[in-house]
Amino acid sequence: MHQGNTHIGCDVTECKHHAQSNNNCTLNHIEVKKHKPNATCPECTDCASFEMK
């Protein structure tokens, strides 16, 4: 099983890019987007690289 990118931790096992063997992302680069003009908390952001399995 692919170990993923150890620089990008992720526990979203429903994502196509989750390493499955550990909580890493298999992508080399991800896009993080914000919901508001000024992100003031973690809930204001999302991983825009998410793809459903």
PDB file of N, CA and C in Angstrom:
ATOM      1  N   MET A   1       0.834  -1.188   0.000  1.00  0.00           N
ATOM      2  CA  MET A   1       0.000   0.000   0.000  1.00  0.00           C
ATOM      3  C   MET A   1       0.878   1.250   0.000  1.00  0.00           C
ATOM      4  N   HIS A   2       0.458   2.262  -0.679  1.00  0.00           N
ATOM      5  CA  HIS A   2       1.201   3.524  -0.774  1.00  0.00           C
ATOM      6  C   HIS A   2       1.241   4.226   0.579  1.00  0.00           C
ATOM      7  N   GLN A   3       2.406   4.659   1.005  1.00  0.00           N
ATOM      8  CA  GLN A   3       2.571   5.334   2.299  1.00  0.00           C
ATOM      9  C   GLN A   3       2.091   6.769   2.273  1.00  0.00           C
ATOM     10  N   GLY A   4       1.956   7.342   1.102  1.00  0.00           N
ATOM     11  CA  GLY A   4       1.506   8.726   1.002  1.00  0.00           C
ATOM     12  C   GLY A   4       2.618   9.714   1.260  1.00  0.00           C
ATOM     13  N   ASN A   5       2.237  10.968   1.223  1.00  0.00           N
ATOM     14  CA  ASN A   5       3.158  12.071   1.456  1.00  0.00           C
ATOM     15  C   ASN A   5       3.188  12.347   2.950  1.00  0.00           C
ATOM     16  N   THR A   6       4.297  12.060   3.588  1.00  0.00           N
ATOM     17  CA  THR A   6       4.388  12.229   5.045  1.00  0.00           C
ATOM     18  C   THR A   6       4.339  13.689   5.473  1.00  0.00           C
ATOM     19  N   HIS A   7       4.387  14.610   4.513  1.00  0.00           N
ATOM     20  CA  HIS A   7       4.285  16.039   4.810  1.00  0.00           C
ATOM     21  C   HIS A   7       2.829  16.520   4.805  1.00  0.00           C
ATOM     22  N   ILE A   8       1.903  15.656   4.345  1.00  0.00           N
ATOM     23  CA  ILE A   8       0.490  16.018   4.318  1.00  0.00           C
ATOM     24  C   ILE A   8      -0.297  14.968   5.087  1.00  0.00           C
ATOM     25  N   GLY A   9      -0.624  15.270   6.325  1.00  0.00           N
ATOM     26  CA  GLY A   9      -1.432  14.370   7.132  1.00  0.00           C
ATOM     27  C   GLY A   9      -2.900  14.511   6.778  1.00  0.00           C
ATOM     28  N   CYS A  10      -3.635  13.404   6.806  1.00  0.00           N
ATOM     29  CA  CYS A  10      -5.053  13.433   6.475  1.00  0.00           C
ATOM     30  C   CYS A  10      -5.735  12.211   7.066  1.00  0.00           C
ATOM     31  N   ASP A  11      -6.886  12.404   7.718  1.00  0.00           N
ATOM     32  CA  ASP A  11      -7.634  11.262   8.244  1.00  0.00           C
ATOM     33  C   ASP A  11      -8.987  11.077   7.541  1.00  0.00           C
ATOM     34  N   VAL A  12      -9.132  11.664   6.360  1.00  0.00           N
ATOM     35  CA  VAL A  12     -10.381  11.566   5.590  1.00  0.00           C
ATOM     36  C   VAL A  12     -10.296  10.319   4.705  1.00  0.00           C
ATOM     37  N   THR A  13     -10.654   9.175   5.263  1.00  0.00           N
ATOM     38  CA  THR A  13     -10.528   7.901   4.550  1.00  0.00           C
ATOM     39  C   THR A  13     -11.488   7.786   3.364  1.00  0.00           C
ATOM     40  N   GLU A  14     -12.479   8.663   3.300  1.00  0.00           N
ATOM     41  CA  GLU A  14     -13.422   8.657   2.176  1.00  0.00           C
ATOM     42  C   GLU A  14     -12.841   9.297   0.917  1.00  0.00           C
ATOM     43  N   CYS A  15     -11.679   9.919   1.050  1.00  0.00           N
ATOM     44  CA  CYS A  15     -11.048  10.617  -0.080  1.00  0.00           C
ATOM     45  C   CYS A  15     -10.259   9.642  -0.947  1.00  0.00           C
ATOM     46  N   LYS A  16     -10.346   9.844  -2.232  1.00  0.00           N
ATOM     47  CA  LYS A  16      -9.608   9.059  -3.236  1.00  0.00           C
ATOM     48  C   LYS A  16      -8.098   9.126  -3.001  1.00  0.00           C
ATOM     49  N   HIS A  17      -7.619  10.219  -2.431  1.00  0.00           N
ATOM     50  CA  HIS A  17      -6.181  10.444  -2.276  1.00  0.00           C
ATOM     51  C   HIS A  17      -5.629  10.017  -0.915  1.00  0.00           C
ATOM     52  N   HIS A  18      -6.457   9.434  -0.043  1.00  0.00           N
ATOM     53  CA  HIS A  18      -5.994   8.969   1.266  1.00  0.00           C
ATOM     54  C   HIS A  18      -5.101   7.744   1.071  1.00  0.00           C
ATOM     55  N   ALA A  19      -3.993   7.674   1.795  1.00  0.00           N
ATOM     56  CA  ALA A  19      -3.023   6.587   1.625  1.00  0.00           C
ATOM     57  C   ALA A  19      -3.556   5.225   2.073  1.00  0.00           C
ATOM     58  N   GLN A  20      -4.594   5.166   2.880  1.00  0.00           N
ATOM     59  CA  GLN A  20      -5.216   3.943   3.388  1.00  0.00           C
ATOM     60  C   GLN A  20      -4.365   3.195   4.406  1.00  0.00           C
ATOM     61  N   SER A  21      -3.062   3.055   4.177  1.00  0.00           N
ATOM     62  CA  SER A  21      -2.215   2.332   5.127  1.00  0.00           C
ATOM     63  C   SER A  21      -1.817   3.205   6.314  1.00  0.00           C
ATOM     64  N   ASN A  22      -2.021   4.516   6.188  1.00  0.00           N
ATOM     65  CA  ASN A  22      -1.747   5.445   7.289  1.00  0.00           C
ATOM     66  C   ASN A  22      -2.500   6.749   6.999  1.00  0.00           C
ATOM     67  N   ASN A  23      -2.461   7.673   7.900  1.00  0.00           N
ATOM     68  CA  ASN A  23      -3.198   8.931   7.735  1.00  0.00           C
ATOM     69  C   ASN A  23      -2.380   9.982   7.008  1.00  0.00           C
ATOM     70  N   ASN A  24      -2.065   9.699   5.756  1.00  0.00           N
ATOM     71  CA  ASN A  24      -1.359  10.631   4.884  1.00  0.00           C
ATOM     72  C   ASN A  24      -2.122  10.777   3.582  1.00  0.00           C
ATOM     73  N   CYS A  25      -1.837  11.862   2.875  1.00  0.00           N
ATOM     74  CA  CYS A  25      -2.391  12.105   1.550  1.00  0.00           C
ATOM     75  C   CYS A  25      -1.385  11.610   0.515  1.00  0.00           C
ATOM     76  N   THR A  26      -1.870  11.025  -0.576  1.00  0.00           N
ATOM     77  CA  THR A  26      -0.962  10.526  -1.611  1.00  0.00           C
ATOM     78  C   THR A  26      -0.560  11.610  -2.615  1.00  0.00           C
ATOM     79  N   LEU A  27      -1.175  12.782  -2.536  1.00  0.00           N
ATOM     80  CA  LEU A  27      -0.828  13.865  -3.450  1.00  0.00           C
ATOM     81  C   LEU A  27       0.472  14.547  -3.027  1.00  0.00           C
ATOM     82  N   ASN A  28       1.172  15.115  -3.981  1.00  0.00           N
ATOM     83  CA  ASN A  28       2.381  15.894  -3.685  1.00  0.00           C
ATOM     84  C   ASN A  28       2.043  17.327  -3.321  1.00  0.00           C
ATOM     85  N   HIS A  29       0.847  17.781  -3.702  1.00  0.00           N
ATOM     86  CA  HIS A  29       0.421  19.161  -3.503  1.00  0.00           C
ATOM     87  C   HIS A  29      -1.095  19.162  -3.314  1.00  0.00           C
ATOM     88  N   ILE A  30      -1.589  19.910  -2.363  1.00  0.00           N
ATOM     89  CA  ILE A  30      -3.032  20.053  -2.178  1.00  0.00           C
ATOM     90  C   ILE A  30      -3.413  21.526  -2.258  1.00  0.00           C
ATOM     91  N   GLU A  31      -4.672  21.786  -2.527  1.00  0.00           N
ATOM     92  CA  GLU A  31      -5.212  23.145  -2.523  1.00  0.00           C
ATOM     93  C   GLU A  31      -6.117  23.296  -1.311  1.00  0.00           C
ATOM     94  N   VAL A  32      -5.881  24.317  -0.519  1.00  0.00           N
ATOM     95  CA  VAL A  32      -6.729  24.639   0.628  1.00  0.00           C
ATOM     96  C   VAL A  32      -7.451  25.936   0.298  1.00  0.00           C
ATOM     97  N   LYS A  33      -8.761  25.907   0.405  1.00  0.00           N
ATOM     98  CA  LYS A  33      -9.592  27.078   0.078  1.00  0.00           C
ATOM     99  C   LYS A  33     -10.272  27.594   1.336  1.00  0.00           C
ATOM    100  N   LYS A  34     -10.635  28.867   1.321  1.00  0.00           N
ATOM    101  CA  LYS A  34     -11.369  29.446   2.442  1.00  0.00           C
ATOM    102  C   LYS A  34     -12.798  29.760   2.020  1.00  0.00           C
ATOM    103  N   HIS A  35     -13.701  29.799   3.012  1.00  0.00           N
ATOM    104  CA  HIS A  35     -15.127  30.047   2.779  1.00  0.00           C
ATOM    105  C   HIS A  35     -15.502  31.519   2.838  1.00  0.00           C
ATOM    106  N   LYS A  36     -14.684  32.319   3.505  1.00  0.00           N
ATOM    107  CA  LYS A  36     -14.948  33.744   3.689  1.00  0.00           C
ATOM    108  C   LYS A  36     -13.721  34.530   3.239  1.00  0.00           C
ATOM    109  N   PRO A  37     -13.872  35.818   3.012  1.00  0.00           N
ATOM    110  CA  PRO A  37     -12.705  36.631   2.624  1.00  0.00           C
ATOM    111  C   PRO A  37     -11.562  36.559   3.638  1.00  0.00           C
ATOM    112  N   ASN A  38     -11.900  36.442   4.925  1.00  0.00           N
ATOM    113  CA  ASN A  38     -10.887  36.345   5.978  1.00  0.00           C
ATOM    114  C   ASN A  38     -11.113  35.081   6.782  1.00  0.00           C
ATOM    115  N   ALA A  39     -10.221  34.128   6.658  1.00  0.00           N
ATOM    116  CA  ALA A  39     -10.314  32.895   7.437  1.00  0.00           C
ATOM    117  C   ALA A  39      -9.834  33.174   8.857  1.00  0.00           C
ATOM    118  N   THR A  40     -10.694  32.934   9.830  1.00  0.00           N
ATOM    119  CA  THR A  40     -10.357  33.214  11.224  1.00  0.00           C
ATOM    120  C   THR A  40     -10.348  31.964  12.103  1.00  0.00           C
ATOM    121  N   CYS A  41     -10.649  30.799  11.510  1.00  0.00           N
ATOM    122  CA  CYS A  41     -10.673  29.557  12.273  1.00  0.00           C
ATOM    123  C   CYS A  41     -10.525  28.375  11.311  1.00  0.00           C
ATOM    124  N   PRO A  42     -10.162  27.200  11.796  1.00  0.00           N
ATOM    125  CA  PRO A  42     -10.012  26.034  10.916  1.00  0.00           C
ATOM    126  C   PRO A  42     -11.290  25.697  10.137  1.00  0.00           C
ATOM    127  N   GLU A  43     -12.443  25.926  10.744  1.00  0.00           N
ATOM    128  CA  GLU A  43     -13.716  25.624  10.085  1.00  0.00           C
ATOM    129  C   GLU A  43     -13.997  26.521   8.878  1.00  0.00           C
ATOM    130  N   CYS A  44     -13.224  27.579   8.738  1.00  0.00           N
ATOM    131  CA  CYS A  44     -13.374  28.497   7.609  1.00  0.00           C
ATOM    132  C   CYS A  44     -12.626  28.011   6.369  1.00  0.00           C
ATOM    133  N   THR A  45     -11.924  26.883   6.474  1.00  0.00           N
ATOM    134  CA  THR A  45     -11.123  26.372   5.363  1.00  0.00           C
ATOM    135  C   THR A  45     -11.486  24.927   5.043  1.00  0.00           C
ATOM    136  N   ASP A  46     -11.164  24.495   3.830  1.00  0.00           N
ATOM    137  CA  ASP A  46     -11.390  23.117   3.383  1.00  0.00           C
ATOM    138  C   ASP A  46     -10.284  22.699   2.426  1.00  0.00           C
ATOM    139  N   CYS A  47     -10.054  21.387   2.357  1.00  0.00           N
ATOM    140  CA  CYS A  47      -9.150  20.844   1.354  1.00  0.00           C
ATOM    141  C   CYS A  47      -9.901  20.778   0.033  1.00  0.00           C
ATOM    142  N   ALA A  48      -9.489  21.584  -0.913  1.00  0.00           N
ATOM    143  CA  ALA A  48     -10.155  21.630  -2.225  1.00  0.00           C
ATOM    144  C   ALA A  48      -9.672  20.507  -3.137  1.00  0.00           C
ATOM    145  N   SER A  49      -8.724  19.702  -2.686  1.00  0.00           N
ATOM    146  CA  SER A  49      -8.233  18.577  -3.470  1.00  0.00           C
ATOM    147  C   SER A  49      -9.036  17.303  -3.202  1.00  0.00           C
ATOM    148  N   PHE A  50      -9.978  17.359  -2.274  1.00  0.00           N
ATOM    149  CA  PHE A  50     -10.794  16.189  -1.920  1.00  0.00           C
ATOM    150  C   PHE A  50     -11.539  15.661  -3.138  1.00  0.00           C
ATOM    151  N   GLU A  51     -11.483  14.346  -3.319  1.00  0.00           N
ATOM    152  CA  GLU A  51     -12.280  13.647  -4.319  1.00  0.00           C
ATOM    153  C   GLU A  51     -12.835  12.393  -3.651  1.00  0.00           C
ATOM    154  N   MET A  52     -14.126  12.168  -3.807  1.00  0.00           N
ATOM    155  CA  MET A  52     -14.768  10.991  -3.229  1.00  0.00           C
ATOM    156  C   MET A  52     -14.211   9.738  -3.894  1.00  0.00           C
ATOM    157  N   LYS A  53     -13.999   8.685  -3.110  1.00  0.00           N
ATOM    158  CA  LYS A  53     -13.537   7.402  -3.661  1.00  0.00           C
ATOM    159  C   LYS A  53     -14.522   6.861  -4.639  1.00  0.00           C
TER     160      LYS A  53
END
